[in-house]
Amino acid sequence: MGRPFDRADQDRVVRAALQAFSSIDQPGAIVRRAARWNDDRWCGANTRMPRDTTPQYQNEDDRRPAEARARQQ
């Protein structure tokens, strides 16, 4: 995964995973990666989008019955 929005860190994670796949010799092996996740860019930052309370539907066929049920309640 790597830190959010940090492409270089994400690239390091993917490369380390690919390298580990070639060295794992038994199922369930644990490969540790030296990573530091406790800086402000990770722990102190809230990178999530604000919650949207507007109902969202995949398509009109989903919207119609959902809104009909809401009117009945």
N, C-alpha and C. Protein backbone atom coordinates (compact mmCIF):
# COMPACT_ATOMS: atom_id res chain seq x y z
N MET A 1 0.83 -1.18 0.00
CA MET A 1 0.00 0.00 0.00
C MET A 1 0.87 1.24 0.00
N GLY A 2 1.59 1.50 1.03
CA GLY A 2 2.37 2.72 1.11
C GLY A 2 1.53 3.88 1.63
N ARG A 3 2.20 4.98 1.86
CA ARG A 3 1.49 6.16 2.38
C ARG A 3 0.56 6.72 1.30
N PRO A 4 -0.58 7.28 1.72
CA PRO A 4 -1.49 7.88 0.74
C PRO A 4 -0.80 9.01 -0.03
N PHE A 5 -0.97 9.00 -1.33
CA PHE A 5 -0.47 10.05 -2.22
C PHE A 5 1.05 10.10 -2.30
N ASP A 6 1.75 9.11 -1.78
CA ASP A 6 3.22 9.07 -1.83
C ASP A 6 3.62 7.96 -2.81
N ARG A 7 3.73 8.32 -4.07
CA ARG A 7 3.98 7.32 -5.12
C ARG A 7 5.31 6.60 -4.92
N ALA A 8 6.32 7.32 -4.45
CA ALA A 8 7.63 6.68 -4.24
C ALA A 8 7.52 5.61 -3.16
N ASP A 9 6.82 5.89 -2.08
CA ASP A 9 6.66 4.90 -1.01
C ASP A 9 5.82 3.73 -1.50
N GLN A 10 4.77 4.00 -2.25
CA GLN A 10 3.93 2.92 -2.79
C GLN A 10 4.75 2.04 -3.73
N ASP A 11 5.61 2.66 -4.53
CA ASP A 11 6.48 1.90 -5.43
C ASP A 11 7.43 1.00 -4.63
N ARG A 12 7.99 1.52 -3.53
CA ARG A 12 8.88 0.72 -2.69
C ARG A 12 8.15 -0.49 -2.11
N VAL A 13 6.89 -0.30 -1.71
CA VAL A 13 6.12 -1.40 -1.14
C VAL A 13 5.89 -2.48 -2.20
N VAL A 14 5.50 -2.09 -3.39
CA VAL A 14 5.24 -3.06 -4.45
C VAL A 14 6.52 -3.81 -4.81
N ARG A 15 7.63 -3.09 -4.95
CA ARG A 15 8.90 -3.74 -5.28
C ARG A 15 9.33 -4.71 -4.18
N ALA A 16 9.16 -4.32 -2.92
CA ALA A 16 9.52 -5.20 -1.81
C ALA A 16 8.65 -6.46 -1.82
N ALA A 17 7.36 -6.30 -2.14
CA ALA A 17 6.46 -7.45 -2.20
C ALA A 17 6.88 -8.40 -3.32
N LEU A 18 7.17 -7.86 -4.48
CA LEU A 18 7.59 -8.70 -5.60
C LEU A 18 8.89 -9.43 -5.28
N GLN A 19 9.81 -8.74 -4.64
CA GLN A 19 11.07 -9.37 -4.25
C GLN A 19 10.82 -10.47 -3.22
N ALA A 20 9.92 -10.22 -2.28
CA ALA A 20 9.61 -11.21 -1.24
C ALA A 20 8.99 -12.46 -1.86
N PHE A 21 8.13 -12.28 -2.86
CA PHE A 21 7.49 -13.44 -3.49
C PHE A 21 8.53 -14.41 -4.03
N SER A 22 9.63 -13.90 -4.52
CA SER A 22 10.65 -14.79 -5.09
C SER A 22 11.49 -15.48 -4.02
N SER A 23 11.44 -14.98 -2.79
CA SER A 23 12.28 -15.57 -1.74
C SER A 23 11.49 -16.42 -0.74
N ILE A 24 10.16 -16.36 -0.76
CA ILE A 24 9.35 -17.13 0.18
C ILE A 24 9.44 -18.61 -0.21
N ASP A 25 9.79 -19.44 0.78
CA ASP A 25 9.96 -20.86 0.48
C ASP A 25 8.97 -21.77 1.21
N GLN A 26 8.03 -21.16 1.97
CA GLN A 26 7.03 -21.98 2.65
C GLN A 26 5.74 -21.19 2.82
N PRO A 27 4.59 -21.86 2.80
CA PRO A 27 3.31 -21.18 2.99
C PRO A 27 3.25 -20.49 4.35
N GLY A 28 2.66 -19.32 4.39
CA GLY A 28 2.48 -18.60 5.65
C GLY A 28 3.70 -17.87 6.15
N ALA A 29 4.77 -17.85 5.36
CA ALA A 29 5.99 -17.15 5.79
C ALA A 29 5.70 -15.66 5.95
N ILE A 30 6.30 -15.07 6.95
CA ILE A 30 6.13 -13.63 7.21
C ILE A 30 7.39 -12.92 6.77
N VAL A 31 7.20 -11.90 5.95
CA VAL A 31 8.33 -11.09 5.48
C VAL A 31 8.15 -9.70 6.07
N ARG A 32 9.10 -9.25 6.82
CA ARG A 32 9.00 -7.94 7.45
C ARG A 32 9.66 -6.90 6.56
N ARG A 33 9.06 -5.73 6.54
CA ARG A 33 9.59 -4.60 5.77
C ARG A 33 9.83 -3.47 6.75
N ALA A 34 11.02 -2.92 6.69
CA ALA A 34 11.33 -1.78 7.56
C ALA A 34 10.59 -0.56 7.00
N ALA A 35 9.54 -0.17 7.68
CA ALA A 35 8.75 0.97 7.23
C ALA A 35 8.41 1.83 8.43
N ARG A 36 8.35 3.09 8.21
CA ARG A 36 8.00 4.02 9.27
C ARG A 36 6.68 4.67 8.93
N TRP A 37 5.67 4.39 9.72
CA TRP A 37 4.33 4.88 9.42
C TRP A 37 3.85 5.91 10.44
N ASN A 38 4.67 6.31 11.36
CA ASN A 38 4.19 7.17 12.43
C ASN A 38 4.57 8.64 12.24
N ASP A 39 4.65 9.09 11.01
CA ASP A 39 4.91 10.52 10.81
C ASP A 39 3.59 11.24 10.53
N ASP A 40 3.61 12.56 10.48
CA ASP A 40 2.39 13.35 10.32
C ASP A 40 1.69 13.10 9.00
N ARG A 41 2.43 12.71 7.98
CA ARG A 41 1.79 12.48 6.68
C ARG A 41 0.87 11.28 6.74
N TRP A 42 1.08 10.37 7.69
CA TRP A 42 0.24 9.18 7.76
C TRP A 42 -0.72 9.24 8.93
N CYS A 43 -0.19 9.30 10.13
CA CYS A 43 -1.04 9.19 11.32
C CYS A 43 -1.85 10.45 11.58
N GLY A 44 -1.27 11.60 11.31
CA GLY A 44 -1.95 12.84 11.67
C GLY A 44 -2.85 13.38 10.58
N ALA A 45 -2.77 12.82 9.39
CA ALA A 45 -3.53 13.37 8.28
C ALA A 45 -4.81 12.56 8.04
N ASN A 46 -5.88 13.25 7.85
CA ASN A 46 -7.13 12.60 7.47
C ASN A 46 -7.30 12.82 5.98
N THR A 47 -7.09 11.78 5.20
CA THR A 47 -7.13 11.91 3.75
C THR A 47 -8.47 11.48 3.16
N ARG A 48 -9.43 11.15 4.01
CA ARG A 48 -10.72 10.72 3.51
C ARG A 48 -11.56 11.90 3.04
N MET A 49 -12.41 11.64 2.09
CA MET A 49 -13.34 12.66 1.61
C MET A 49 -14.45 12.82 2.65
N PRO A 50 -15.06 14.00 2.73
CA PRO A 50 -16.17 14.18 3.66
C PRO A 50 -17.32 13.25 3.28
N ARG A 51 -18.06 12.80 4.27
CA ARG A 51 -19.19 11.90 4.02
C ARG A 51 -20.28 12.65 3.26
N ASP A 52 -20.80 12.00 2.25
CA ASP A 52 -21.90 12.55 1.45
C ASP A 52 -23.17 11.81 1.86
N THR A 53 -24.14 12.54 2.40
CA THR A 53 -25.36 11.89 2.88
C THR A 53 -26.44 11.80 1.81
N THR A 54 -26.15 12.30 0.61
CA THR A 54 -27.11 12.21 -0.50
C THR A 54 -27.21 10.76 -0.96
N PRO A 55 -28.42 10.20 -1.07
CA PRO A 55 -28.54 8.82 -1.55
C PRO A 55 -27.95 8.69 -2.96
N GLN A 56 -27.24 7.60 -3.17
CA GLN A 56 -26.63 7.34 -4.47
C GLN A 56 -27.04 5.94 -4.93
N TYR A 57 -27.38 5.83 -6.19
CA TYR A 57 -27.87 4.57 -6.73
C TYR A 57 -27.04 4.18 -7.95
N GLN A 58 -26.97 2.89 -8.19
CA GLN A 58 -26.25 2.39 -9.36
C GLN A 58 -26.94 2.84 -10.65
N ASN A 59 -28.28 2.78 -10.65
CA ASN A 59 -29.04 3.14 -11.84
C ASN A 59 -30.48 3.44 -11.43
N GLU A 60 -31.30 3.81 -12.41
CA GLU A 60 -32.70 4.16 -12.13
C GLU A 60 -33.48 2.98 -11.57
N ASP A 61 -33.14 1.76 -12.01
CA ASP A 61 -33.84 0.57 -11.51
C ASP A 61 -33.59 0.37 -10.02
N ASP A 62 -32.50 0.88 -9.49
CA ASP A 62 -32.23 0.82 -8.05
C ASP A 62 -32.91 1.97 -7.32
N ARG A 63 -32.93 3.14 -7.95
CA ARG A 63 -33.46 4.33 -7.30
C ARG A 63 -34.96 4.22 -7.03
N ARG A 64 -35.72 3.80 -8.01
CA ARG A 64 -37.20 3.79 -7.88
C ARG A 64 -37.69 2.97 -6.69
N PRO A 65 -37.31 1.70 -6.55
CA PRO A 65 -37.83 0.94 -5.39
C PRO A 65 -37.30 1.46 -4.05
N ALA A 66 -36.07 1.97 -4.03
CA ALA A 66 -35.52 2.48 -2.78
C ALA A 66 -36.29 3.71 -2.32
N GLU A 67 -36.59 4.61 -3.26
CA GLU A 67 -37.34 5.80 -2.89
C GLU A 67 -38.79 5.46 -2.53
N ALA A 68 -39.36 4.46 -3.19
CA ALA A 68 -40.73 4.04 -2.85
C ALA A 68 -40.76 3.48 -1.42
N ARG A 69 -39.76 2.68 -1.04
CA ARG A 69 -39.69 2.16 0.33
C ARG A 69 -39.53 3.30 1.34
N ALA A 70 -38.73 4.29 1.01
CA ALA A 70 -38.50 5.41 1.92
C ALA A 70 -39.80 6.19 2.13
N ARG A 71 -40.62 6.33 1.09
CA ARG A 71 -41.89 7.05 1.23
C ARG A 71 -42.87 6.28 2.12
N GLN A 72 -42.77 4.95 2.11
CA GLN A 72 -43.68 4.12 2.92
C GLN A 72 -43.34 4.18 4.40
N GLN A 73 -42.14 4.51 4.74
CA GLN A 73 -41.71 4.51 6.14
C GLN A 73 -42.12 5.75 6.81
